[in-house]
PDB file of N, CA and C in Angstrom:
ATOM      1  N   VAL A   1       3.339  11.922 -22.912  1.00  0.00           N
ATOM      2  CA  VAL A   1       4.339  12.711 -22.877  1.00  0.00           C
ATOM      3  C   VAL A   1       5.642  11.761 -22.474  1.00  0.00           C
ATOM      4  N   TRP A   2       5.016  10.576 -21.626  1.00  0.00           N
ATOM      5  CA  TRP A   2       6.289   9.723 -21.268  1.00  0.00           C
ATOM      6  C   TRP A   2       7.111   8.984 -22.420  1.00  0.00           C
ATOM      7  N   ASN A   3       6.234   8.786 -23.480  1.00  0.00           N
ATOM      8  CA  ASN A   3       7.032   8.197 -24.507  1.00  0.00           C
ATOM      9  C   ASN A   3       8.332   9.019 -25.113  1.00  0.00           C
ATOM     10  N   LEU A   4       8.143  10.194 -25.000  1.00  0.00           N
ATOM     11  CA  LEU A   4       9.415  10.925 -25.241  1.00  0.00           C
ATOM     12  C   LEU A   4      10.586  11.319 -24.270  1.00  0.00           C
ATOM     13  N   ALA A   5      10.080  10.723 -23.107  1.00  0.00           N
ATOM     14  CA  ALA A   5      11.113  10.988 -21.950  1.00  0.00           C
ATOM     15  C   ALA A   5      12.110  10.140 -22.121  1.00  0.00           C
ATOM     16  N   SER A   6      13.319  10.686 -21.556  1.00  0.00           N
ATOM     17  CA  SER A   6      14.453   9.662 -21.535  1.00  0.00           C
ATOM     18  C   SER A   6      14.292   8.561 -20.645  1.00  0.00           C
ATOM     19  N   ASN A   7      13.301   8.750 -19.336  1.00  0.00           N
ATOM     20  CA  ASN A   7      13.181   7.880 -18.182  1.00  0.00           C
ATOM     21  C   ASN A   7      12.013   7.082 -18.696  1.00  0.00           C
ATOM     22  N   ARG A   8      11.977   6.875 -19.922  1.00  0.00           N
ATOM     23  CA  ARG A   8      10.697   6.275 -20.014  1.00  0.00           C
ATOM     24  C   ARG A   8      10.334   4.831 -19.502  1.00  0.00           C
ATOM     25  N   LEU A   9      11.731   3.913 -19.647  1.00  0.00           N
ATOM     26  CA  LEU A   9      11.472   2.553 -19.133  1.00  0.00           C
ATOM     27  C   LEU A   9      11.571   2.480 -17.628  1.00  0.00           C
ATOM     28  N   SER A  10      12.149   3.667 -16.852  1.00  0.00           N
ATOM     29  CA  SER A  10      12.190   3.325 -15.589  1.00  0.00           C
ATOM     30  C   SER A  10      10.643   3.897 -14.749  1.00  0.00           C
ATOM     31  N   PHE A  11      10.176   4.919 -15.842  1.00  0.00           N
ATOM     32  CA  PHE A  11       8.559   5.267 -15.271  1.00  0.00           C
ATOM     33  C   PHE A  11       7.772   4.121 -15.638  1.00  0.00           C
ATOM     34  N   LEU A  12       7.970   3.475 -16.444  1.00  0.00           N
ATOM     35  CA  LEU A  12       7.004   2.159 -16.911  1.00  0.00           C
ATOM     36  C   LEU A  12       6.868   1.443 -15.975  1.00  0.00           C
ATOM     37  N   ASN A  13       8.110   0.677 -15.537  1.00  0.00           N
ATOM     38  CA  ASN A  13       8.489  -0.271 -14.682  1.00  0.00           C
ATOM     39  C   ASN A  13       7.723   0.277 -13.262  1.00  0.00           C
ATOM     40  N   SER A  14       8.373   1.143 -13.011  1.00  0.00           N
ATOM     41  CA  SER A  14       7.842   1.474 -11.503  1.00  0.00           C
ATOM     42  C   SER A  14       6.296   1.692 -11.614  1.00  0.00           C
ATOM     43  N   PHE A  15       5.480   2.197 -12.670  1.00  0.00           N
ATOM     44  CA  PHE A  15       4.481   2.325 -12.686  1.00  0.00           C
ATOM     45  C   PHE A  15       3.704   1.030 -12.624  1.00  0.00           C
ATOM     46  N   LYS A  16       4.387   0.268 -13.884  1.00  0.00           N
ATOM     47  CA  LYS A  16       3.917  -1.708 -13.728  1.00  0.00           C
ATOM     48  C   LYS A  16       3.894  -2.055 -12.051  1.00  0.00           C
ATOM     49  N   MET A  17       4.819  -1.687 -11.594  1.00  0.00           N
ATOM     50  CA  MET A  17       5.242  -2.598 -10.176  1.00  0.00           C
ATOM     51  C   MET A  17       3.802  -1.934  -9.062  1.00  0.00           C
ATOM     52  N   LYS A  18       3.914  -0.672  -9.131  1.00  0.00           N
ATOM     53  CA  LYS A  18       2.966  -0.186  -8.223  1.00  0.00           C
ATOM     54  C   LYS A  18       1.509  -0.599  -8.673  1.00  0.00           C
ATOM     55  N   MET A  19       1.199  -0.887  -9.625  1.00  0.00           N
ATOM     56  CA  MET A  19      -0.006  -0.868 -10.021  1.00  0.00           C
ATOM     57  C   MET A  19      -0.588  -2.638  -9.727  1.00  0.00           C
ATOM     58  N   SER A  20       0.823  -3.023  -9.951  1.00  0.00           N
ATOM     59  CA  SER A  20       0.408  -4.842  -9.604  1.00  0.00           C
ATOM     60  C   SER A  20       0.417  -4.678  -7.946  1.00  0.00           C
ATOM     61  N   VAL A  21       1.003  -3.938  -7.186  1.00  0.00           N
ATOM     62  CA  VAL A  21       0.829  -4.282  -5.711  1.00  0.00           C
ATOM     63  C   VAL A  21      -0.438  -3.707  -5.124  1.00  0.00           C
ATOM     64  N   ILE A  22      -1.193  -2.625  -6.059  1.00  0.00           N
ATOM     65  CA  ILE A  22      -2.421  -2.223  -5.700  1.00  0.00           C
ATOM     66  C   ILE A  22      -3.442  -3.222  -6.122  1.00  0.00           C
ATOM     67  N   LEU A  23      -3.283  -3.796  -7.459  1.00  0.00           N
ATOM     68  CA  LEU A  23      -4.136  -5.125  -7.623  1.00  0.00           C
ATOM     69  C   LEU A  23      -4.358  -6.312  -6.982  1.00  0.00           C
ATOM     70  N   GLY A  24      -2.703  -6.504  -6.494  1.00  0.00           N
ATOM     71  CA  GLY A  24      -2.687  -7.619  -5.606  1.00  0.00           C
ATOM     72  C   GLY A  24      -3.289  -7.854  -4.073  1.00  0.00           C
ATOM     73  N   ILE A  25      -3.217  -6.454  -3.667  1.00  0.00           N
ATOM     74  CA  ILE A  25      -3.549  -6.197  -2.503  1.00  0.00           C
ATOM     75  C   ILE A  25      -5.245  -6.097  -2.510  1.00  0.00           C
ATOM     76  N   THR A  26      -5.750  -5.434  -3.511  1.00  0.00           N
ATOM     77  CA  THR A  26      -7.269  -5.893  -3.982  1.00  0.00           C
ATOM     78  C   THR A  26      -7.658  -7.114  -3.769  1.00  0.00           C
ATOM     79  N   HIS A  27      -7.081  -7.807  -4.646  1.00  0.00           N
ATOM     80  CA  HIS A  27      -7.239  -9.267  -4.909  1.00  0.00           C
ATOM     81  C   HIS A  27      -7.318 -10.049  -3.325  1.00  0.00           C
ATOM     82  N   MET A  28      -6.098  -9.833  -2.750  1.00  0.00           N
ATOM     83  CA  MET A  28      -6.258 -10.565  -1.526  1.00  0.00           C
ATOM     84  C   MET A  28      -7.269 -10.110  -0.722  1.00  0.00           C
ATOM     85  N   THR A  29      -7.647  -9.148  -0.545  1.00  0.00           N
ATOM     86  CA  THR A  29      -8.593  -8.336   0.541  1.00  0.00           C
ATOM     87  C   THR A  29      -9.910  -9.187   0.182  1.00  0.00           C
ATOM     88  N   PHE A  30     -10.090  -9.400  -1.174  1.00  0.00           N
ATOM     89  CA  PHE A  30     -11.508  -9.831  -1.793  1.00  0.00           C
ATOM     90  C   PHE A  30     -11.465 -11.100  -1.368  1.00  0.00           C
ATOM     91  N   GLY A  31     -10.199 -11.728  -1.572  1.00  0.00           N
ATOM     92  CA  GLY A  31     -10.196 -13.346  -1.236  1.00  0.00           C
ATOM     93  C   GLY A  31     -10.461 -13.599   0.425  1.00  0.00           C
ATOM     94  N   VAL A  32     -10.243 -12.598   1.238  1.00  0.00           N
ATOM     95  CA  VAL A  32     -10.328 -12.742   2.736  1.00  0.00           C
ATOM     96  C   VAL A  32     -11.725 -12.196   2.954  1.00  0.00           C
ATOM     97  N   ILE A  33     -12.411 -11.774   2.167  1.00  0.00           N
ATOM     98  CA  ILE A  33     -13.832 -11.345   2.472  1.00  0.00           C
ATOM     99  C   ILE A  33     -14.720 -12.533   1.819  1.00  0.00           C
ATOM    100  N   LEU A  34     -14.135 -13.030   0.802  1.00  0.00           N
ATOM    101  CA  LEU A  34     -15.039 -14.102   0.223  1.00  0.00           C
ATOM    102  C   LEU A  34     -15.010 -15.449   1.588  1.00  0.00           C
ATOM    103  N   GLY A  35     -13.866 -15.564   2.197  1.00  0.00           N
ATOM    104  CA  GLY A  35     -13.763 -16.335   3.228  1.00  0.00           C
ATOM    105  C   GLY A  35     -14.729 -16.322   4.172  1.00  0.00           C
ATOM    106  N   VAL A  36     -15.042 -15.195   4.888  1.00  0.00           N
ATOM    107  CA  VAL A  36     -16.137 -15.036   5.672  1.00  0.00           C
ATOM    108  C   VAL A  36     -17.617 -15.899   5.265  1.00  0.00           C
ATOM    109  N   PHE A  37     -17.720 -16.163   3.848  1.00  0.00           N
ATOM    110  CA  PHE A  37     -18.988 -16.788   3.464  1.00  0.00           C
ATOM    111  C   PHE A  37     -18.622 -18.211   3.914  1.00  0.00           C
ATOM    112  N   ASN A  38     -17.368 -18.748   3.547  1.00  0.00           N
ATOM    113  CA  ASN A  38     -17.420 -20.250   4.129  1.00  0.00           C
ATOM    114  C   ASN A  38     -17.397 -20.290   5.573  1.00  0.00           C
ATOM    115  N   HIS A  39     -16.743 -19.661   6.308  1.00  0.00           N
ATOM    116  CA  HIS A  39     -17.318 -19.439   7.872  1.00  0.00           C
ATOM    117  C   HIS A  39     -18.812 -19.556   8.290  1.00  0.00           C
ATOM    118  N   LEU A  40     -19.527 -18.726   7.343  1.00  0.00           N
ATOM    119  CA  LEU A  40     -20.868 -18.722   7.798  1.00  0.00           C
ATOM    120  C   LEU A  40     -21.677 -19.850   7.288  1.00  0.00           C
ATOM    121  N   HIS A  41     -21.336 -20.572   6.002  1.00  0.00           N
ATOM    122  CA  HIS A  41     -21.938 -21.678   5.367  1.00  0.00           C
ATOM    123  C   HIS A  41     -21.631 -22.665   6.668  1.00  0.00           C
ATOM    124  N   PHE A  42     -20.457 -22.930   7.105  1.00  0.00           N
ATOM    125  CA  PHE A  42     -20.182 -24.277   7.645  1.00  0.00           C
ATOM    126  C   PHE A  42     -20.380 -23.671   9.446  1.00  0.00           C
ATOM    127  N   LYS A  43     -21.327 -22.754   9.610  1.00  0.00           N
ATOM    128  CA  LYS A  43     -21.200 -22.297  10.789  1.00  0.00           C
ATOM    129  C   LYS A  43     -20.340 -22.127  11.699  1.00  0.00           C
ATOM    130  N   ASN A  44     -19.203 -21.985  11.580  1.00  0.00           N
ATOM    131  CA  ASN A  44     -18.032 -21.951  12.056  1.00  0.00           C
ATOM    132  C   ASN A  44     -17.787 -20.568  12.621  1.00  0.00           C
ATOM    133  N   ILE A  45     -18.493 -19.647  13.457  1.00  0.00           N
ATOM    134  CA  ILE A  45     -18.449 -18.546  14.248  1.00  0.00           C
ATOM    135  C   ILE A  45     -16.990 -17.914  14.462  1.00  0.00           C
ATOM    136  N   CYS A  46     -16.574 -19.148  15.290  1.00  0.00           N
ATOM    137  CA  CYS A  46     -15.461 -18.603  15.848  1.00  0.00           C
ATOM    138  C   CYS A  46     -14.290 -18.552  15.109  1.00  0.00           C
ATOM    139  N   SER A  47     -14.267 -18.886  14.164  1.00  0.00           N
ATOM    140  CA  SER A  47     -13.118 -19.035  13.017  1.00  0.00           C
ATOM    141  C   SER A  47     -13.478 -17.267  12.291  1.00  0.00           C
ATOM    142  N   ILE A  48     -14.590 -16.677  12.368  1.00  0.00           N
ATOM    143  CA  ILE A  48     -14.956 -15.245  12.304  1.00  0.00           C
ATOM    144  C   ILE A  48     -14.275 -14.372  12.977  1.00  0.00           C
ATOM    145  N   TYR A  49     -14.418 -14.665  14.335  1.00  0.00           N
ATOM    146  CA  TYR A  49     -13.536 -13.866  15.278  1.00  0.00           C
ATOM    147  C   TYR A  49     -12.206 -13.849  15.391  1.00  0.00           C
ATOM    148  N   LEU A  50     -11.860 -15.278  15.094  1.00  0.00           N
ATOM    149  CA  LEU A  50     -10.444 -15.590  15.373  1.00  0.00           C
ATOM    150  C   LEU A  50      -9.714 -15.424  14.145  1.00  0.00           C
ATOM    151  N   VAL A  51     -10.246 -15.554  13.214  1.00  0.00           N
ATOM    152  CA  VAL A  51      -9.379 -15.683  11.762  1.00  0.00           C
ATOM    153  C   VAL A  51      -9.884 -14.654  10.795  1.00  0.00           C
ATOM    154  N   PHE A  52     -10.860 -14.453  10.310  1.00  0.00           N
ATOM    155  CA  PHE A  52     -11.121 -13.581   9.651  1.00  0.00           C
ATOM    156  C   PHE A  52     -10.955 -11.819   9.874  1.00  0.00           C
ATOM    157  N   ILE A  53     -11.801 -11.214  11.172  1.00  0.00           N
ATOM    158  CA  ILE A  53     -11.308  -9.956  11.761  1.00  0.00           C
ATOM    159  C   ILE A  53      -9.707  -9.886  11.702  1.00  0.00           C
ATOM    160  N   PRO A  54      -9.076 -10.708  12.510  1.00  0.00           N
ATOM    161  CA  PRO A  54      -7.615 -10.259  12.473  1.00  0.00           C
ATOM    162  C   PRO A  54      -6.787 -10.209  11.353  1.00  0.00           C
ATOM    163  N   GLU A  55      -7.415 -11.002   9.956  1.00  0.00           N
ATOM    164  CA  GLU A  55      -6.575 -10.935   8.985  1.00  0.00           C
ATOM    165  C   GLU A  55      -7.124  -9.901   8.049  1.00  0.00           C
ATOM    166  N   LEU A  56      -8.041  -9.306   8.448  1.00  0.00           N
ATOM    167  CA  LEU A  56      -8.645  -8.175   7.820  1.00  0.00           C
ATOM    168  C   LEU A  56      -8.067  -6.762   8.134  1.00  0.00           C
ATOM    169  N   VAL A  57      -8.002  -7.198   9.514  1.00  0.00           N
ATOM    170  CA  VAL A  57      -7.582  -5.572  10.104  1.00  0.00           C
ATOM    171  C   VAL A  57      -6.252  -5.451   9.751  1.00  0.00           C
ATOM    172  N   PHE A  58      -5.661  -6.722  10.084  1.00  0.00           N
ATOM    173  CA  PHE A  58      -3.640  -6.801  10.041  1.00  0.00           C
ATOM    174  C   PHE A  58      -3.440  -6.208   8.493  1.00  0.00           C
ATOM    175  N   MET A  59      -4.511  -6.766   7.062  1.00  0.00           N
ATOM    176  CA  MET A  59      -4.218  -6.710   5.825  1.00  0.00           C
ATOM    177  C   MET A  59      -4.521  -4.988   5.337  1.00  0.00           C
ATOM    178  N   VAL A  60      -5.837  -4.629   5.974  1.00  0.00           N
ATOM    179  CA  VAL A  60      -6.285  -3.589   5.469  1.00  0.00           C
ATOM    180  C   VAL A  60      -5.168  -2.310   6.189  1.00  0.00           C
ATOM    181  N   SER A  61      -5.081  -2.187   7.401  1.00  0.00           N
ATOM    182  CA  SER A  61      -3.983  -1.422   8.181  1.00  0.00           C
ATOM    183  C   SER A  61      -3.051  -1.291   7.668  1.00  0.00           C
ATOM    184  N   LEU A  62      -2.248  -2.421   7.260  1.00  0.00           N
ATOM    185  CA  LEU A  62      -0.880  -2.636   6.741  1.00  0.00           C
ATOM    186  C   LEU A  62      -0.625  -2.096   5.448  1.00  0.00           C
ATOM    187  N   PHE A  63      -1.279  -3.014   4.306  1.00  0.00           N
ATOM    188  CA  PHE A  63      -1.404  -2.773   3.145  1.00  0.00           C
ATOM    189  C   PHE A  63      -2.329  -1.961   2.570  1.00  0.00           C
ATOM    190  N   GLY A  64      -3.237  -1.463   2.971  1.00  0.00           N
ATOM    191  CA  GLY A  64      -4.238  -0.266   2.644  1.00  0.00           C
ATOM    192  C   GLY A  64      -3.727   0.967   3.109  1.00  0.00           C
ATOM    193  N   TYR A  65      -2.401   1.034   3.972  1.00  0.00           N
ATOM    194  CA  TYR A  65      -1.650   2.178   4.236  1.00  0.00           C
ATOM    195  C   TYR A  65      -0.557   2.355   3.084  1.00  0.00           C
ATOM    196  N   LEU A  66      -0.028   1.110   2.898  1.00  0.00           N
ATOM    197  CA  LEU A  66       0.839   1.132   1.669  1.00  0.00           C
ATOM    198  C   LEU A  66       0.276   1.539   0.404  1.00  0.00           C
ATOM    199  N   MET A  67      -0.929   1.204   0.313  1.00  0.00           N
ATOM    200  CA  MET A  67      -1.967   1.620  -1.025  1.00  0.00           C
ATOM    201  C   MET A  67      -2.329   2.863  -1.132  1.00  0.00           C
ATOM    202  N   PHE A  68      -2.792   3.658  -0.041  1.00  0.00           N
ATOM    203  CA  PHE A  68      -2.782   4.938   0.404  1.00  0.00           C
ATOM    204  C   PHE A  68      -1.480   6.004  -0.021  1.00  0.00           C
ATOM    205  N   MET A  69      -0.404   5.372   0.482  1.00  0.00           N
ATOM    206  CA  MET A  69       1.160   5.992   0.345  1.00  0.00           C
ATOM    207  C   MET A  69       1.535   5.737  -1.142  1.00  0.00           C
ATOM    208  N   ILE A  70       0.795   4.770  -1.979  1.00  0.00           N
ATOM    209  CA  ILE A  70       1.444   5.021  -3.497  1.00  0.00           C
ATOM    210  C   ILE A  70       0.473   5.690  -4.008  1.00  0.00           C
ATOM    211  N   ILE A  71      -0.848   5.963  -3.870  1.00  0.00           N
ATOM    212  CA  ILE A  71      -1.971   6.909  -4.583  1.00  0.00           C
ATOM    213  C   ILE A  71      -1.315   8.233  -4.162  1.00  0.00           C
ATOM    214  N   TYR A  72      -1.123   8.671  -2.853  1.00  0.00           N
ATOM    215  CA  TYR A  72      -1.348   9.962  -2.776  1.00  0.00           C
ATOM    216  C   TYR A  72      -0.084  10.239  -3.188  1.00  0.00           C
ATOM    217  N   LYS A  73       1.247   9.751  -3.479  1.00  0.00           N
ATOM    218  CA  LYS A  73       2.514  10.007  -4.222  1.00  0.00           C
ATOM    219  C   LYS A  73       2.276  10.443  -5.327  1.00  0.00           C
ATOM    220  N   TRP A  74       1.440   9.367  -6.193  1.00  0.00           N
ATOM    221  CA  TRP A  74       0.922   9.845  -7.672  1.00  0.00           C
ATOM    222  C   TRP A  74       0.330  11.210  -7.690  1.00  0.00           C
ATOM    223  N   LEU A  75      -0.536  11.587  -6.640  1.00  0.00           N
ATOM    224  CA  LEU A  75      -1.465  12.399  -6.962  1.00  0.00           C
ATOM    225  C   LEU A  75      -0.773  13.991  -6.397  1.00  0.00           C
ATOM    226  N   ALA A  76       0.253  13.535  -5.163  1.00  0.00           N
ATOM    227  CA  ALA A  76       0.996  15.043  -4.881  1.00  0.00           C
ATOM    228  C   ALA A  76       2.265  15.286  -5.429  1.00  0.00           C
ATOM    229  N   TYR A  77       2.826  14.561  -6.346  1.00  0.00           N
ATOM    230  CA  TYR A  77       3.992  14.936  -6.747  1.00  0.00           C
ATOM    231  C   TYR A  77       3.919  14.517  -8.446  1.00  0.00           C
ATOM    232  N   SER A  78       4.420  15.697  -9.277  1.00  0.00           N
ATOM    233  CA  SER A  78       4.151  15.665 -10.659  1.00  0.00           C
ATOM    234  C   SER A  78       5.723  15.186 -11.157  1.00  0.00           C
ATOM    235  N   ALA A  79       6.088  15.108 -12.640  1.00  0.00           N
ATOM    236  CA  ALA A  79       7.011  14.719 -13.076  1.00  0.00           C
ATOM    237  C   ALA A  79       8.105  15.897 -12.723  1.00  0.00           C
ATOM    238  N   ALA A  80       7.723  17.258 -12.343  1.00  0.00           N
ATOM    239  CA  ALA A  80       8.502  18.333 -12.227  1.00  0.00           C
ATOM    240  C   ALA A  80       9.158  18.098 -10.885  1.00  0.00           C
ATOM    241  N   ASN A  81       8.220  17.693  -9.874  1.00  0.00           N
ATOM    242  CA  ASN A  81       9.158  17.994  -8.873  1.00  0.00           C
ATOM    243  C   ASN A  81       9.062  16.469  -8.086  1.00  0.00           C
ATOM    244  N   SER A  82       9.482  15.369  -8.910  1.00  0.00           N
ATOM    245  CA  SER A  82       9.611  14.072  -8.584  1.00  0.00           C
ATOM    246  C   SER A  82      10.963  13.851  -7.811  1.00  0.00           C
ATOM    247  N   ASN A  83      11.827  14.497  -8.246  1.00  0.00           N
ATOM    248  CA  ASN A  83      12.842  14.313  -7.323  1.00  0.00           C
ATOM    249  C   ASN A  83      12.838  14.702  -5.965  1.00  0.00           C
ATOM    250  N   LEU A  84      11.677  15.295  -5.372  1.00  0.00           N
ATOM    251  CA  LEU A  84      11.687  15.835  -4.033  1.00  0.00           C
ATOM    252  C   LEU A  84      10.878  14.652  -3.563  1.00  0.00           C
ATOM    253  N   ALA A  85      10.276  13.743  -4.026  1.00  0.00           N
ATOM    254  CA  ALA A  85       9.241  12.935  -3.176  1.00  0.00           C
ATOM    255  C   ALA A  85      10.039  11.518  -2.611  1.00  0.00           C
ATOM    256  N   PRO A  86       9.706  11.585  -1.567  1.00  0.00           N
ATOM    257  CA  PRO A  86      10.489  10.444  -0.683  1.00  0.00           C
ATOM    258  C   PRO A  86      10.054   8.979  -1.202  1.00  0.00           C
ATOM    259  N   SER A  87      11.058   8.174  -0.731  1.00  0.00           N
ATOM    260  CA  SER A  87      10.890   6.726  -1.360  1.00  0.00           C
ATOM    261  C   SER A  87       9.437   5.995  -0.502  1.00  0.00           C
ATOM    262  N   ILE A  88       8.934   5.403  -0.722  1.00  0.00           N
ATOM    263  CA  ILE A  88       8.166   4.805   0.193  1.00  0.00           C
ATOM    264  C   ILE A  88       8.416   3.414   0.382  1.00  0.00           C
ATOM    265  N   LEU A  89       9.252   2.922  -0.394  1.00  0.00           N
ATOM    266  CA  LEU A  89      10.153   1.630   0.411  1.00  0.00           C
ATOM    267  C   LEU A  89      10.751   1.810   1.618  1.00  0.00           C
ATOM    268  N   ILE A  90      11.610   2.904   1.393  1.00  0.00           N
ATOM    269  CA  ILE A  90      12.343   3.097   2.885  1.00  0.00           C
ATOM    270  C   ILE A  90      11.447   3.558   3.832  1.00  0.00           C
ATOM    271  N   HIS A  91      10.432   4.202   3.661  1.00  0.00           N
ATOM    272  CA  HIS A  91       9.282   4.582   4.492  1.00  0.00           C
ATOM    273  C   HIS A  91       8.617   3.132   5.164  1.00  0.00           C
ATOM    274  N   PHE A  92       8.586   2.340   4.543  1.00  0.00           N
ATOM    275  CA  PHE A  92       7.675   1.242   5.103  1.00  0.00           C
ATOM    276  C   PHE A  92       8.840   0.502   5.669  1.00  0.00           C
ATOM    277  N   ILE A  93       9.968   0.244   5.468  1.00  0.00           N
ATOM    278  CA  ILE A  93      10.920  -0.514   6.194  1.00  0.00           C
ATOM    279  C   ILE A  93      11.288   0.183   7.388  1.00  0.00           C
ATOM    280  N   ASN A  94      11.129   1.647   7.548  1.00  0.00           N
ATOM    281  CA  ASN A  94      11.510   2.089   8.349  1.00  0.00           C
ATOM    282  C   ASN A  94      10.366   2.064   9.514  1.00  0.00           C
ATOM    283  N   MET A  95       9.297   1.954   8.874  1.00  0.00           N
ATOM    284  CA  MET A  95       7.940   2.239   9.954  1.00  0.00           C
ATOM    285  C   MET A  95       7.846   0.332  10.781  1.00  0.00           C
ATOM    286  N   PHE A  96       8.838  -0.341   9.969  1.00  0.00           N
ATOM    287  CA  PHE A  96       8.808  -1.864  11.009  1.00  0.00           C
ATOM    288  C   PHE A  96      10.116  -1.832  11.861  1.00  0.00           C
ATOM    289  N   VAL A  97      10.880  -1.314  11.579  1.00  0.00           N
ATOM    290  CA  VAL A  97      12.165  -0.897  12.336  1.00  0.00           C
ATOM    291  C   VAL A  97      11.918   0.113  13.337  1.00  0.00           C
ATOM    292  N   MET A  98      11.187   0.659  13.433  1.00  0.00           N
ATOM    293  CA  MET A  98      10.559   1.860  14.494  1.00  0.00           C
ATOM    294  C   MET A  98      11.616   2.986  13.994  1.00  0.00           C
ATOM    295  N   GLN A  99      12.312   3.278  13.137  1.00  0.00           N
ATOM    296  CA  GLN A  99      13.088   4.380  12.860  1.00  0.00           C
ATOM    297  C   GLN A  99      12.097   5.462  12.207  1.00  0.00           C
ATOM    298  N   SER A 100      12.610   7.046  12.327  1.00  0.00           N
ATOM    299  CA  SER A 100      11.760   7.777  11.495  1.00  0.00           C
ATOM    300  C   SER A 100      12.684   8.562  11.110  1.00  0.00           C
ATOM    301  N   ASN A 101      12.631   8.990   9.617  1.00  0.00           N
ATOM    302  CA  ASN A 101      13.183  10.111   8.830  1.00  0.00           C
ATOM    303  C   ASN A 101      12.305  10.926   8.842  1.00  0.00           C
ATOM    304  N   ASP A 102      12.467  12.552   9.560  1.00  0.00           N
ATOM    305  CA  ASP A 102      11.583  13.211   9.732  1.00  0.00           C
ATOM    306  C   ASP A 102      11.590  14.339   8.375  1.00  0.00           C
ATOM    307  N   ASN A 103      12.957  14.586   7.916  1.00  0.00           N
ATOM    308  CA  ASN A 103      13.123  15.198   7.023  1.00  0.00           C
ATOM    309  C   ASN A 103      12.489  14.805   5.538  1.00  0.00           C
ATOM    310  N   ALA A 104      12.199  13.675   5.407  1.00  0.00           N
ATOM    311  CA  ALA A 104      11.794  12.977   4.338  1.00  0.00           C
ATOM    312  C   ALA A 104      10.367  12.468   4.453  1.00  0.00           C
ATOM    313  N   GLN A 105       9.493  13.359   4.390  1.00  0.00           N
ATOM    314  CA  GLN A 105       7.849  13.005   4.732  1.00  0.00           C
ATOM    315  C   GLN A 105       7.143  13.201   3.628  1.00  0.00           C
ATOM    316  N   LEU A 106       6.031  12.269   3.236  1.00  0.00           N
ATOM    317  CA  LEU A 106       5.471  12.013   2.043  1.00  0.00           C
ATOM    318  C   LEU A 106       4.179  13.245   2.341  1.00  0.00           C
ATOM    319  N   TYR A 107       3.709  13.467   3.498  1.00  0.00           N
ATOM    320  CA  TYR A 107       2.614  14.514   3.884  1.00  0.00           C
ATOM    321  C   TYR A 107       2.896  15.019   5.212  1.00  0.00           C
ATOM    322  N   THR A 108       2.355  15.763   5.823  1.00  0.00           N
ATOM    323  CA  THR A 108       2.662  16.534   7.199  1.00  0.00           C
ATOM    324  C   THR A 108       1.622  16.037   7.916  1.00  0.00           C
ATOM    325  N   GLY A 109       2.204  15.577   9.407  1.00  0.00           N
ATOM    326  CA  GLY A 109       1.919  14.433  10.341  1.00  0.00           C
ATOM    327  C   GLY A 109       2.077  13.282  10.043  1.00  0.00           C
ATOM    328  N   GLN A 110       2.966  12.691   9.050  1.00  0.00           N
ATOM    329  CA  GLN A 110       3.286  11.376   8.569  1.00  0.00           C
ATOM    330  C   GLN A 110       3.978  10.610   9.834  1.00  0.00           C
ATOM    331  N   VAL A 111       4.501  11.603  10.561  1.00  0.00           N
ATOM    332  CA  VAL A 111       5.919  10.738  11.673  1.00  0.00           C
ATOM    333  C   VAL A 111       4.680  10.235  13.068  1.00  0.00           C
ATOM    334  N   GLY A 112       3.486  11.139  13.005  1.00  0.00           N
ATOM    335  CA  GLY A 112       2.588  10.638  14.359  1.00  0.00           C
ATOM    336  C   GLY A 112       1.732   9.633  13.574  1.00  0.00           C
ATOM    337  N   ILE A 113       1.841   8.925  12.352  1.00  0.00           N
ATOM    338  CA  ILE A 113       1.194   7.704  12.231  1.00  0.00           C
ATOM    339  C   ILE A 113       2.218   6.741  12.095  1.00  0.00           C
TER     340      ILE A 113
END
């Protein structure tokens, strides 16, 4: 269906960009998890608590939430109502600058998160 649409190129670019974000985050998380085996092999238990756990918590909480928003937006909005979907990029930026846009929510209860 998307091959016949007039916005085919913008859809494919957006899709490829979101897929690369998901694959990149998965790859980074896998690399951090592999790092714990180095810490265990060299018996560097301190690095597990001071490096591995903070890296994993930060990455999963921040980028895991980004992956959740991307997948939720794919599932919740179709081509018919895609013009109503809020921007994930704007929401992610507003999350860091502590601003909220109550009228552009991706899901109910998003402001509380």
